[in-house]
PDB file of N, CA and C in Angstrom:
ATOM      1  N   UNK A   1      11.928 -28.281 -35.796  1.00  0.00           N
ATOM      2  CA  UNK A   1      11.921 -29.476 -36.619  1.00  0.00           C
ATOM      3  C   UNK A   1      11.819 -30.703 -35.706  1.00  0.00           C
ATOM      4  N   UNK A   2      10.877 -31.575 -35.982  1.00  0.00           N
ATOM      5  CA  UNK A   2      10.626 -32.751 -35.153  1.00  0.00           C
ATOM      6  C   UNK A   2      11.852 -33.648 -35.055  1.00  0.00           C
ATOM      7  N   UNK A   3      12.544 -33.840 -36.159  1.00  0.00           N
ATOM      8  CA  UNK A   3      13.706 -34.724 -36.165  1.00  0.00           C
ATOM      9  C   UNK A   3      14.778 -34.216 -35.211  1.00  0.00           C
ATOM     10  N   UNK A   4      15.033 -32.913 -35.242  1.00  0.00           N
ATOM     11  CA  UNK A   4      16.050 -32.341 -34.361  1.00  0.00           C
ATOM     12  C   UNK A   4      15.588 -32.392 -32.908  1.00  0.00           C
ATOM     13  N   UNK A   5      14.308 -32.189 -32.669  1.00  0.00           N
ATOM     14  CA  UNK A   5      13.782 -32.221 -31.303  1.00  0.00           C
ATOM     15  C   UNK A   5      14.019 -33.580 -30.668  1.00  0.00           C
ATOM     16  N   UNK A   6      13.724 -34.660 -31.404  1.00  0.00           N
ATOM     17  CA  UNK A   6      13.936 -35.993 -30.860  1.00  0.00           C
ATOM     18  C   UNK A   6      15.415 -36.249 -30.586  1.00  0.00           C
ATOM     19  N   UNK A   7      16.265 -35.725 -31.440  1.00  0.00           N
ATOM     20  CA  UNK A   7      17.705 -35.950 -31.274  1.00  0.00           C
ATOM     21  C   UNK A   7      18.254 -35.160 -30.076  1.00  0.00           C
ATOM     22  N   UNK A   8      17.693 -33.974 -29.790  1.00  0.00           N
ATOM     23  CA  UNK A   8      18.224 -33.111 -28.734  1.00  0.00           C
ATOM     24  C   UNK A   8      17.670 -33.409 -27.354  1.00  0.00           C
ATOM     25  N   UNK A   9      16.430 -33.858 -27.282  1.00  0.00           N
ATOM     26  CA  UNK A   9      15.795 -34.020 -25.976  1.00  0.00           C
ATOM     27  C   UNK A   9      16.505 -35.059 -25.130  1.00  0.00           C
ATOM     28  N   UNK A  10      16.529 -34.807 -23.842  1.00  0.00           N
ATOM     29  CA  UNK A  10      17.155 -35.714 -22.882  1.00  0.00           C
ATOM     30  C   UNK A  10      16.221 -35.889 -21.693  1.00  0.00           C
ATOM     31  N   UNK A  11      16.412 -36.961 -20.974  1.00  0.00           N
ATOM     32  CA  UNK A  11      15.717 -37.103 -19.703  1.00  0.00           C
ATOM     33  C   UNK A  11      16.688 -37.704 -18.708  1.00  0.00           C
ATOM     34  N   UNK A  12      16.378 -37.513 -17.456  1.00  0.00           N
ATOM     35  CA  UNK A  12      17.246 -38.022 -16.402  1.00  0.00           C
ATOM     36  C   UNK A  12      16.598 -39.244 -15.790  1.00  0.00           C
ATOM     37  N   UNK A  13      17.353 -40.317 -15.673  1.00  0.00           N
ATOM     38  CA  UNK A  13      16.833 -41.542 -15.080  1.00  0.00           C
ATOM     39  C   UNK A  13      16.785 -41.387 -13.571  1.00  0.00           C
ATOM     40  N   UNK A  14      16.198 -42.356 -12.906  1.00  0.00           N
ATOM     41  CA  UNK A  14      16.089 -42.298 -11.451  1.00  0.00           C
ATOM     42  C   UNK A  14      17.441 -42.259 -10.776  1.00  0.00           C
ATOM     43  N   UNK A  15      18.462 -42.792 -11.422  1.00  0.00           N
ATOM     44  CA  UNK A  15      19.800 -42.798 -10.824  1.00  0.00           C
ATOM     45  C   UNK A  15      20.515 -41.475 -11.050  1.00  0.00           C
ATOM     46  N   UNK A  16      19.907 -40.572 -11.808  1.00  0.00           N
ATOM     47  CA  UNK A  16      20.513 -39.286 -12.073  1.00  0.00           C
ATOM     48  C   UNK A  16      21.378 -39.269 -13.315  1.00  0.00           C
ATOM     49  N   UNK A  17      21.508 -40.409 -13.975  1.00  0.00           N
ATOM     50  CA  UNK A  17      22.304 -40.460 -15.193  1.00  0.00           C
ATOM     51  C   UNK A  17      21.511 -39.852 -16.335  1.00  0.00           C
ATOM     52  N   UNK A  18      22.204 -39.107 -17.158  1.00  0.00           N
ATOM     53  CA  UNK A  18      21.545 -38.541 -18.314  1.00  0.00           C
ATOM     54  C   UNK A  18      21.641 -39.544 -19.446  1.00  0.00           C
ATOM     55  N   UNK A  19      20.526 -39.810 -20.088  1.00  0.00           N
ATOM     56  CA  UNK A  19      20.551 -40.723 -21.220  1.00  0.00           C
ATOM     57  C   UNK A  19      19.648 -40.182 -22.303  1.00  0.00           C
ATOM     58  N   UNK A  20      19.635 -40.835 -23.427  1.00  0.00           N
ATOM     59  CA  UNK A  20      18.867 -40.375 -24.571  1.00  0.00           C
ATOM     60  C   UNK A  20      17.388 -40.386 -24.262  1.00  0.00           C
ATOM     61  N   UNK A  21      16.677 -39.575 -24.973  1.00  0.00           N
ATOM     62  CA  UNK A  21      15.231 -39.538 -24.873  1.00  0.00           C
ATOM     63  C   UNK A  21      14.672 -40.889 -25.277  1.00  0.00           C
ATOM     64  N   UNK A  22      13.519 -41.206 -24.739  1.00  0.00           N
ATOM     65  CA  UNK A  22      12.848 -42.458 -25.075  1.00  0.00           C
ATOM     66  C   UNK A  22      12.630 -42.544 -26.579  1.00  0.00           C
ATOM     67  N   UNK A  23      12.427 -41.385 -27.211  1.00  0.00           N
ATOM     68  CA  UNK A  23      12.145 -41.366 -28.633  1.00  0.00           C
ATOM     69  C   UNK A  23      13.406 -41.407 -29.482  1.00  0.00           C
ATOM     70  N   UNK A  24      14.575 -41.375 -28.871  1.00  0.00           N
ATOM     71  CA  UNK A  24      15.808 -41.330 -29.649  1.00  0.00           C
ATOM     72  C   UNK A  24      15.929 -42.543 -30.562  1.00  0.00           C
ATOM     73  N   UNK A  25      15.387 -43.684 -30.133  1.00  0.00           N
ATOM     74  CA  UNK A  25      15.444 -44.867 -30.979  1.00  0.00           C
ATOM     75  C   UNK A  25      14.622 -44.666 -32.238  1.00  0.00           C
ATOM     76  N   UNK A  26      13.668 -43.748 -32.175  1.00  0.00           N
ATOM     77  CA  UNK A  26      12.836 -43.472 -33.323  1.00  0.00           C
ATOM     78  C   UNK A  26      13.354 -42.282 -34.115  1.00  0.00           C
ATOM     79  N   UNK A  27      14.489 -41.726 -33.717  1.00  0.00           N
ATOM     80  CA  UNK A  27      15.064 -40.591 -34.428  1.00  0.00           C
ATOM     81  C   UNK A  27      15.388 -41.017 -35.857  1.00  0.00           C
ATOM     82  N   UNK A  28      15.355 -40.068 -36.752  1.00  0.00           N
ATOM     83  CA  UNK A  28      15.544 -40.423 -38.150  1.00  0.00           C
ATOM     84  C   UNK A  28      16.920 -40.998 -38.423  1.00  0.00           C
ATOM     85  N   UNK A  29      16.973 -41.940 -39.325  1.00  0.00           N
ATOM     86  CA  UNK A  29      18.229 -42.522 -39.722  1.00  0.00           C
ATOM     87  C   UNK A  29      18.516 -42.186 -41.184  1.00  0.00           C
ATOM     88  N   UNK A  30      17.975 -41.041 -41.610  1.00  0.00           N
ATOM     89  CA  UNK A  30      18.131 -40.543 -42.972  1.00  0.00           C
ATOM     90  C   UNK A  30      17.558 -41.505 -44.010  1.00  0.00           C
ATOM     91  N   UNK A  31      16.636 -42.338 -43.601  1.00  0.00           N
ATOM     92  CA  UNK A  31      15.897 -43.188 -44.520  1.00  0.00           C
ATOM     93  C   UNK A  31      14.470 -42.672 -44.554  1.00  0.00           C
ATOM     94  N   UNK A  32      13.791 -42.891 -45.637  1.00  0.00           N
ATOM     95  CA  UNK A  32      12.424 -42.391 -45.748  1.00  0.00           C
ATOM     96  C   UNK A  32      11.510 -43.030 -44.712  1.00  0.00           C
ATOM     97  N   UNK A  33      11.812 -44.277 -44.327  1.00  0.00           N
ATOM     98  CA  UNK A  33      11.005 -44.963 -43.319  1.00  0.00           C
ATOM     99  C   UNK A  33      11.044 -44.208 -41.987  1.00  0.00           C
ATOM    100  N   UNK A  34      12.234 -43.802 -41.554  1.00  0.00           N
ATOM    101  CA  UNK A  34      12.386 -43.053 -40.309  1.00  0.00           C
ATOM    102  C   UNK A  34      11.765 -41.675 -40.389  1.00  0.00           C
ATOM    103  N   UNK A  35      11.910 -41.026 -41.530  1.00  0.00           N
ATOM    104  CA  UNK A  35      11.316 -39.702 -41.704  1.00  0.00           C
ATOM    105  C   UNK A  35       9.799 -39.787 -41.682  1.00  0.00           C
ATOM    106  N   UNK A  36       9.257 -40.850 -42.267  1.00  0.00           N
ATOM    107  CA  UNK A  36       7.808 -41.035 -42.278  1.00  0.00           C
ATOM    108  C   UNK A  36       7.282 -41.223 -40.861  1.00  0.00           C
ATOM    109  N   UNK A  37       7.966 -42.059 -40.078  1.00  0.00           N
ATOM    110  CA  UNK A  37       7.554 -42.266 -38.691  1.00  0.00           C
ATOM    111  C   UNK A  37       7.614 -40.964 -37.902  1.00  0.00           C
ATOM    112  N   UNK A  38       8.691 -40.198 -38.085  1.00  0.00           N
ATOM    113  CA  UNK A  38       8.816 -38.932 -37.364  1.00  0.00           C
ATOM    114  C   UNK A  38       7.755 -37.934 -37.794  1.00  0.00           C
ATOM    115  N   UNK A  39       7.416 -37.925 -39.072  1.00  0.00           N
ATOM    116  CA  UNK A  39       6.354 -37.060 -39.560  1.00  0.00           C
ATOM    117  C   UNK A  39       5.026 -37.422 -38.894  1.00  0.00           C
ATOM    118  N   UNK A  40       4.723 -38.724 -38.864  1.00  0.00           N
ATOM    119  CA  UNK A  40       3.477 -39.179 -38.236  1.00  0.00           C
ATOM    120  C   UNK A  40       3.468 -38.913 -36.737  1.00  0.00           C
ATOM    121  N   UNK A  41       4.609 -39.106 -36.069  1.00  0.00           N
ATOM    122  CA  UNK A  41       4.700 -38.792 -34.641  1.00  0.00           C
ATOM    123  C   UNK A  41       4.471 -37.313 -34.391  1.00  0.00           C
ATOM    124  N   UNK A  42       4.999 -36.480 -35.275  1.00  0.00           N
ATOM    125  CA  UNK A  42       4.782 -35.041 -35.144  1.00  0.00           C
ATOM    126  C   UNK A  42       3.307 -34.681 -35.224  1.00  0.00           C
ATOM    127  N   UNK A  43       2.595 -35.348 -36.108  1.00  0.00           N
ATOM    128  CA  UNK A  43       1.150 -35.101 -36.226  1.00  0.00           C
ATOM    129  C   UNK A  43       0.427 -35.623 -34.988  1.00  0.00           C
ATOM    130  N   UNK A  44       0.712 -36.860 -34.596  1.00  0.00           N
ATOM    131  CA  UNK A  44       0.021 -37.467 -33.453  1.00  0.00           C
ATOM    132  C   UNK A  44       0.266 -36.707 -32.155  1.00  0.00           C
ATOM    133  N   UNK A  45       1.432 -36.083 -32.020  1.00  0.00           N
ATOM    134  CA  UNK A  45       1.770 -35.363 -30.796  1.00  0.00           C
ATOM    135  C   UNK A  45       1.447 -33.873 -30.855  1.00  0.00           C
ATOM    136  N   UNK A  46       0.857 -33.415 -31.954  1.00  0.00           N
ATOM    137  CA  UNK A  46       0.581 -31.988 -32.096  1.00  0.00           C
ATOM    138  C   UNK A  46      -0.678 -31.582 -31.328  1.00  0.00           C
ATOM    139  N   UNK A  47      -0.708 -30.321 -30.940  1.00  0.00           N
ATOM    140  CA  UNK A  47      -1.854 -29.794 -30.199  1.00  0.00           C
ATOM    141  C   UNK A  47      -3.133 -29.779 -31.051  1.00  0.00           C
ATOM    142  N   UNK A  48      -3.075 -29.328 -32.322  1.00  0.00           N
ATOM    143  CA  UNK A  48      -4.301 -29.352 -33.134  1.00  0.00           C
ATOM    144  C   UNK A  48      -4.885 -30.763 -33.284  1.00  0.00           C
ATOM    145  N   UNK A  49      -4.015 -31.766 -33.444  1.00  0.00           N
ATOM    146  CA  UNK A  49      -4.503 -33.132 -33.548  1.00  0.00           C
ATOM    147  C   UNK A  49      -5.165 -33.559 -32.237  1.00  0.00           C
ATOM    148  N   UNK A  50      -4.569 -33.216 -31.120  1.00  0.00           N
ATOM    149  CA  UNK A  50      -5.146 -33.548 -29.821  1.00  0.00           C
ATOM    150  C   UNK A  50      -6.522 -32.928 -29.629  1.00  0.00           C
ATOM    151  N   UNK A  51      -6.664 -31.676 -30.055  1.00  0.00           N
ATOM    152  CA  UNK A  51      -7.960 -30.994 -29.958  1.00  0.00           C
ATOM    153  C   UNK A  51      -8.989 -31.684 -30.855  1.00  0.00           C
ATOM    154  N   UNK A  52      -8.581 -31.993 -32.098  1.00  0.00           N
ATOM    155  CA  UNK A  52      -9.484 -32.662 -33.037  1.00  0.00           C
ATOM    156  C   UNK A  52      -9.904 -34.031 -32.504  1.00  0.00           C
ATOM    157  N   UNK A  53      -8.947 -34.802 -31.991  1.00  0.00           N
ATOM    158  CA  UNK A  53      -9.253 -36.130 -31.452  1.00  0.00           C
ATOM    159  C   UNK A  53     -10.186 -36.029 -30.247  1.00  0.00           C
ATOM    160  N   UNK A  54     -10.015 -34.999 -29.441  1.00  0.00           N
ATOM    161  CA  UNK A  54     -10.894 -34.794 -28.282  1.00  0.00           C
ATOM    162  C   UNK A  54     -12.318 -34.497 -28.727  1.00  0.00           C
ATOM    163  N   UNK A  55     -12.464 -33.662 -29.745  1.00  0.00           N
ATOM    164  CA  UNK A  55     -13.805 -33.334 -30.263  1.00  0.00           C
ATOM    165  C   UNK A  55     -14.478 -34.589 -30.823  1.00  0.00           C
ATOM    166  N   UNK A  56     -13.725 -35.398 -31.573  1.00  0.00           N
ATOM    167  CA  UNK A  56     -14.290 -36.632 -32.134  1.00  0.00           C
ATOM    168  C   UNK A  56     -14.678 -37.592 -31.004  1.00  0.00           C
ATOM    169  N   UNK A  57     -13.862 -37.650 -29.959  1.00  0.00           N
ATOM    170  CA  UNK A  57     -14.165 -38.523 -28.823  1.00  0.00           C
ATOM    171  C   UNK A  57     -15.434 -38.069 -28.109  1.00  0.00           C
ATOM    172  N   UNK A  58     -15.573 -36.772 -27.896  1.00  0.00           N
ATOM    173  CA  UNK A  58     -16.785 -36.243 -27.250  1.00  0.00           C
ATOM    174  C   UNK A  58     -18.012 -36.559 -28.103  1.00  0.00           C
ATOM    175  N   UNK A  59     -17.880 -36.393 -29.437  1.00  0.00           N
ATOM    176  CA  UNK A  59     -18.988 -36.755 -30.315  1.00  0.00           C
ATOM    177  C   UNK A  59     -19.316 -38.248 -30.184  1.00  0.00           C
ATOM    178  N   UNK A  60     -18.282 -39.087 -30.165  1.00  0.00           N
ATOM    179  CA  UNK A  60     -18.507 -40.533 -30.075  1.00  0.00           C
ATOM    180  C   UNK A  60     -19.231 -40.902 -28.779  1.00  0.00           C
ATOM    181  N   UNK A  61     -18.935 -40.179 -27.722  1.00  0.00           N
ATOM    182  CA  UNK A  61     -19.567 -40.483 -26.438  1.00  0.00           C
ATOM    183  C   UNK A  61     -20.997 -39.959 -26.337  1.00  0.00           C
ATOM    184  N   UNK A  62     -21.255 -38.771 -26.875  1.00  0.00           N
ATOM    185  CA  UNK A  62     -22.541 -38.114 -26.638  1.00  0.00           C
ATOM    186  C   UNK A  62     -23.356 -37.819 -27.885  1.00  0.00           C
ATOM    187  N   UNK A  63     -22.806 -38.047 -29.081  1.00  0.00           N
ATOM    188  CA  UNK A  63     -23.498 -37.689 -30.318  1.00  0.00           C
ATOM    189  C   UNK A  63     -24.843 -38.352 -30.481  1.00  0.00           C
ATOM    190  N   UNK A  64     -24.919 -39.633 -30.199  1.00  0.00           N
ATOM    191  CA  UNK A  64     -26.184 -40.337 -30.368  1.00  0.00           C
ATOM    192  C   UNK A  64     -27.235 -39.856 -29.364  1.00  0.00           C
ATOM    193  N   UNK A  65     -26.797 -39.515 -28.156  1.00  0.00           N
ATOM    194  CA  UNK A  65     -27.734 -38.979 -27.168  1.00  0.00           C
ATOM    195  C   UNK A  65     -28.276 -37.620 -27.607  1.00  0.00           C
ATOM    196  N   UNK A  66     -27.415 -36.790 -28.171  1.00  0.00           N
ATOM    197  CA  UNK A  66     -27.850 -35.483 -28.691  1.00  0.00           C
ATOM    198  C   UNK A  66     -28.825 -35.690 -29.842  1.00  0.00           C
ATOM    199  N   UNK A  67     -28.518 -36.620 -30.735  1.00  0.00           N
ATOM    200  CA  UNK A  67     -29.413 -36.922 -31.856  1.00  0.00           C
ATOM    201  C   UNK A  67     -30.773 -37.367 -31.355  1.00  0.00           C
ATOM    202  N   UNK A  68     -30.765 -38.270 -30.416  1.00  0.00           N
ATOM    203  CA  UNK A  68     -32.019 -38.817 -29.894  1.00  0.00           C
ATOM    204  C   UNK A  68     -32.853 -37.746 -29.181  1.00  0.00           C
ATOM    205  N   UNK A  69     -32.183 -36.857 -28.430  1.00  0.00           N
ATOM    206  CA  UNK A  69     -32.894 -35.871 -27.623  1.00  0.00           C
ATOM    207  C   UNK A  69     -33.376 -34.658 -28.417  1.00  0.00           C
ATOM    208  N   UNK A  70     -32.627 -34.240 -29.439  1.00  0.00           N
ATOM    209  CA  UNK A  70     -32.920 -32.941 -30.050  1.00  0.00           C
ATOM    210  C   UNK A  70     -33.234 -32.960 -31.540  1.00  0.00           C
ATOM    211  N   UNK A  71     -33.071 -34.085 -32.213  1.00  0.00           N
ATOM    212  CA  UNK A  71     -33.256 -34.096 -33.661  1.00  0.00           C
ATOM    213  C   UNK A  71     -34.324 -35.100 -34.070  1.00  0.00           C
ATOM    214  N   UNK A  72     -34.910 -34.832 -35.252  1.00  0.00           N
ATOM    215  CA  UNK A  72     -35.938 -35.733 -35.778  1.00  0.00           C
ATOM    216  C   UNK A  72     -35.287 -36.895 -36.519  1.00  0.00           C
ATOM    217  N   UNK A  73     -36.112 -37.832 -36.916  1.00  0.00           N
ATOM    218  CA  UNK A  73     -35.632 -39.030 -37.603  1.00  0.00           C
ATOM    219  C   UNK A  73     -34.930 -38.686 -38.912  1.00  0.00           C
ATOM    220  N   UNK A  74     -35.277 -37.575 -39.530  1.00  0.00           N
ATOM    221  CA  UNK A  74     -34.653 -37.175 -40.788  1.00  0.00           C
ATOM    222  C   UNK A  74     -33.156 -36.905 -40.627  1.00  0.00           C
ATOM    223  N   UNK A  75     -32.699 -36.601 -39.434  1.00  0.00           N
ATOM    224  CA  UNK A  75     -31.284 -36.299 -39.187  1.00  0.00           C
ATOM    225  C   UNK A  75     -30.464 -37.561 -38.929  1.00  0.00           C
ATOM    226  N   UNK A  76     -31.112 -38.710 -38.853  1.00  0.00           N
ATOM    227  CA  UNK A  76     -30.400 -39.958 -38.542  1.00  0.00           C
ATOM    228  C   UNK A  76     -29.273 -40.261 -39.528  1.00  0.00           C
ATOM    229  N   UNK A  77     -29.521 -40.048 -40.819  1.00  0.00           N
ATOM    230  CA  UNK A  77     -28.500 -40.363 -41.812  1.00  0.00           C
ATOM    231  C   UNK A  77     -27.241 -39.516 -41.623  1.00  0.00           C
ATOM    232  N   UNK A  78     -27.417 -38.252 -41.266  1.00  0.00           N
ATOM    233  CA  UNK A  78     -26.262 -37.376 -41.024  1.00  0.00           C
ATOM    234  C   UNK A  78     -25.480 -37.872 -39.812  1.00  0.00           C
ATOM    235  N   UNK A  79     -26.169 -38.162 -38.745  1.00  0.00           N
ATOM    236  CA  UNK A  79     -25.500 -38.643 -37.538  1.00  0.00           C
ATOM    237  C   UNK A  79     -24.847 -40.013 -37.773  1.00  0.00           C
ATOM    238  N   UNK A  80     -25.506 -40.878 -38.533  1.00  0.00           N
ATOM    239  CA  UNK A  80     -24.911 -42.180 -38.851  1.00  0.00           C
ATOM    240  C   UNK A  80     -23.627 -42.003 -39.659  1.00  0.00           C
ATOM    241  N   UNK A  81     -23.630 -41.068 -40.594  1.00  0.00           N
ATOM    242  CA  UNK A  81     -22.423 -40.777 -41.370  1.00  0.00           C
ATOM    243  C   UNK A  81     -21.305 -40.248 -40.489  1.00  0.00           C
ATOM    244  N   UNK A  82     -21.633 -39.354 -39.562  1.00  0.00           N
ATOM    245  CA  UNK A  82     -20.629 -38.832 -38.633  1.00  0.00           C
ATOM    246  C   UNK A  82     -20.084 -39.941 -37.729  1.00  0.00           C
ATOM    247  N   UNK A  83     -20.939 -40.855 -37.319  1.00  0.00           N
ATOM    248  CA  UNK A  83     -20.505 -41.957 -36.461  1.00  0.00           C
ATOM    249  C   UNK A  83     -19.563 -42.893 -37.214  1.00  0.00           C
ATOM    250  N   UNK A  84     -19.879 -43.210 -38.463  1.00  0.00           N
ATOM    251  CA  UNK A  84     -19.003 -44.055 -39.265  1.00  0.00           C
ATOM    252  C   UNK A  84     -17.659 -43.346 -39.491  1.00  0.00           C
ATOM    253  N   UNK A  85     -17.684 -42.040 -39.730  1.00  0.00           N
ATOM    254  CA  UNK A  85     -16.443 -41.274 -39.898  1.00  0.00           C
ATOM    255  C   UNK A  85     -15.609 -41.309 -38.612  1.00  0.00           C
ATOM    256  N   UNK A  86     -16.254 -41.214 -37.454  1.00  0.00           N
ATOM    257  CA  UNK A  86     -15.537 -41.268 -36.171  1.00  0.00           C
ATOM    258  C   UNK A  86     -14.893 -42.641 -35.978  1.00  0.00           C
ATOM    259  N   UNK A  87     -15.611 -43.702 -36.307  1.00  0.00           N
ATOM    260  CA  UNK A  87     -15.047 -45.053 -36.196  1.00  0.00           C
ATOM    261  C   UNK A  87     -13.853 -45.193 -37.140  1.00  0.00           C
ATOM    262  N   UNK A  88     -13.976 -44.664 -38.343  1.00  0.00           N
ATOM    263  CA  UNK A  88     -12.864 -44.684 -39.293  1.00  0.00           C
ATOM    264  C   UNK A  88     -11.659 -43.915 -38.768  1.00  0.00           C
ATOM    265  N   UNK A  89     -11.914 -42.763 -38.157  1.00  0.00           N
ATOM    266  CA  UNK A  89     -10.836 -41.963 -37.575  1.00  0.00           C
ATOM    267  C   UNK A  89     -10.112 -42.741 -36.484  1.00  0.00           C
ATOM    268  N   UNK A  90     -10.850 -43.355 -35.577  1.00  0.00           N
ATOM    269  CA  UNK A  90     -10.228 -44.120 -34.486  1.00  0.00           C
ATOM    270  C   UNK A  90      -9.449 -45.321 -35.019  1.00  0.00           C
ATOM    271  N   UNK A  91      -9.976 -45.972 -36.044  1.00  0.00           N
ATOM    272  CA  UNK A  91      -9.269 -47.098 -36.653  1.00  0.00           C
ATOM    273  C   UNK A  91      -7.964 -46.636 -37.279  1.00  0.00           C
ATOM    274  N   UNK A  92      -8.004 -45.535 -38.016  1.00  0.00           N
ATOM    275  CA  UNK A  92      -6.799 -44.988 -38.623  1.00  0.00           C
ATOM    276  C   UNK A  92      -5.790 -44.563 -37.561  1.00  0.00           C
ATOM    277  N   UNK A  93      -6.265 -43.992 -36.477  1.00  0.00           N
ATOM    278  CA  UNK A  93      -5.368 -43.586 -35.387  1.00  0.00           C
ATOM    279  C   UNK A  93      -4.639 -44.794 -34.794  1.00  0.00           C
ATOM    280  N   UNK A  94      -5.337 -45.895 -34.601  1.00  0.00           N
ATOM    281  CA  UNK A  94      -4.703 -47.107 -34.065  1.00  0.00           C
ATOM    282  C   UNK A  94      -3.659 -47.636 -35.043  1.00  0.00           C
ATOM    283  N   UNK A  95      -3.976 -47.643 -36.321  1.00  0.00           N
ATOM    284  CA  UNK A  95      -3.037 -48.141 -37.327  1.00  0.00           C
ATOM    285  C   UNK A  95      -1.796 -47.263 -37.382  1.00  0.00           C
ATOM    286  N   UNK A  96      -1.985 -45.948 -37.448  1.00  0.00           N
ATOM    287  CA  UNK A  96      -0.849 -45.028 -37.535  1.00  0.00           C
ATOM    288  C   UNK A  96      -0.019 -45.080 -36.256  1.00  0.00           C
ATOM    289  N   UNK A  97      -0.660 -45.116 -35.101  1.00  0.00           N
ATOM    290  CA  UNK A  97       0.081 -45.195 -33.836  1.00  0.00           C
ATOM    291  C   UNK A  97       0.856 -46.495 -33.727  1.00  0.00           C
ATOM    292  N   UNK A  98       0.274 -47.588 -34.188  1.00  0.00           N
ATOM    293  CA  UNK A  98       0.964 -48.875 -34.149  1.00  0.00           C
ATOM    294  C   UNK A  98       2.206 -48.857 -35.034  1.00  0.00           C
ATOM    295  N   UNK A  99       2.130 -48.148 -36.137  1.00  0.00           N
ATOM    296  CA  UNK A  99       3.275 -48.056 -37.048  1.00  0.00           C
ATOM    297  C   UNK A  99       4.343 -47.102 -36.514  1.00  0.00           C
ATOM    298  N   UNK A 100       3.923 -45.939 -36.026  1.00  0.00           N
ATOM    299  CA  UNK A 100       4.876 -44.870 -35.717  1.00  0.00           C
ATOM    300  C   UNK A 100       5.424 -44.915 -34.294  1.00  0.00           C
ATOM    301  N   UNK A 101       4.645 -45.386 -33.345  1.00  0.00           N
ATOM    302  CA  UNK A 101       5.073 -45.347 -31.941  1.00  0.00           C
ATOM    303  C   UNK A 101       5.644 -46.694 -31.528  1.00  0.00           C
ATOM    304  N   UNK A 102       6.889 -46.685 -31.161  1.00  0.00           N
ATOM    305  CA  UNK A 102       7.555 -47.915 -30.743  1.00  0.00           C
ATOM    306  C   UNK A 102       6.893 -48.432 -29.460  1.00  0.00           C
ATOM    307  N   UNK A 103       6.551 -49.704 -29.438  1.00  0.00           N
ATOM    308  CA  UNK A 103       5.941 -50.314 -28.272  1.00  0.00           C
ATOM    309  C   UNK A 103       4.444 -50.108 -28.145  1.00  0.00           C
ATOM    310  N   UNK A 104       3.821 -49.400 -29.085  1.00  0.00           N
ATOM    311  CA  UNK A 104       2.379 -49.153 -29.005  1.00  0.00           C
ATOM    312  C   UNK A 104       1.589 -50.416 -29.330  1.00  0.00           C
ATOM    313  N   UNK A 105       1.961 -51.093 -30.435  1.00  0.00           N
ATOM    314  CA  UNK A 105       1.247 -52.298 -30.852  1.00  0.00           C
ATOM    315  C   UNK A 105       1.449 -53.397 -29.817  1.00  0.00           C
ATOM    316  N   UNK A 106       0.360 -53.967 -29.398  1.00  0.00           N
ATOM    317  CA  UNK A 106       0.323 -55.017 -28.368  1.00  0.00           C
ATOM    318  C   UNK A 106       0.858 -54.531 -27.020  1.00  0.00           C
ATOM    319  N   UNK A 107       0.835 -53.222 -26.820  1.00  0.00           N
ATOM    320  CA  UNK A 107       1.250 -52.639 -25.548  1.00  0.00           C
ATOM    321  C   UNK A 107       0.053 -52.442 -24.636  1.00  0.00           C
ATOM    322  N   UNK A 108       0.086 -51.396 -23.848  1.00  0.00           N
ATOM    323  CA  UNK A 108      -0.916 -51.116 -22.826  1.00  0.00           C
ATOM    324  C   UNK A 108      -2.332 -51.081 -23.390  1.00  0.00           C
ATOM    325  N   UNK A 109      -2.541 -50.435 -24.526  1.00  0.00           N
ATOM    326  CA  UNK A 109      -3.882 -50.270 -25.072  1.00  0.00           C
ATOM    327  C   UNK A 109      -4.447 -51.554 -25.664  1.00  0.00           C
ATOM    328  N   UNK A 110      -3.638 -52.580 -25.788  1.00  0.00           N
ATOM    329  CA  UNK A 110      -4.099 -53.855 -26.330  1.00  0.00           C
ATOM    330  C   UNK A 110      -4.280 -54.921 -25.256  1.00  0.00           C
ATOM    331  N   UNK A 111      -4.029 -54.563 -24.005  1.00  0.00           N
ATOM    332  CA  UNK A 111      -4.189 -55.538 -22.916  1.00  0.00           C
ATOM    333  C   UNK A 111      -5.659 -55.860 -22.704  1.00  0.00           C
ATOM    334  N   UNK A 112      -5.978 -57.092 -22.384  1.00  0.00           N
ATOM    335  CA  UNK A 112      -7.389 -57.465 -22.154  1.00  0.00           C
ATOM    336  C   UNK A 112      -7.899 -56.917 -20.839  1.00  0.00           C
TER     337      UNK A 112
END
């Protein structure tokens, strides 16, 4: 269970002191808001999601080159639809990560 995992995990600081996991602040507080965040974190940190996101990223990087090199103009609409879906996926990922991950919004990925 994701909620129990966040509550149990520990890490050791550089001084050797044991303290709560970085995610402990996001541990559920028995409110639906906390449970929702933990549910979304569980999805974002899952292996299947990572594999799916990697496939979408590879498509985003090379899909148009594959279309241009191997497909006729009739396939453009399919590839354009896949590209719009990939952009939608990345947008949704940013929104969900900004909501669920503490410090994500305006953090490292938002630096100029």
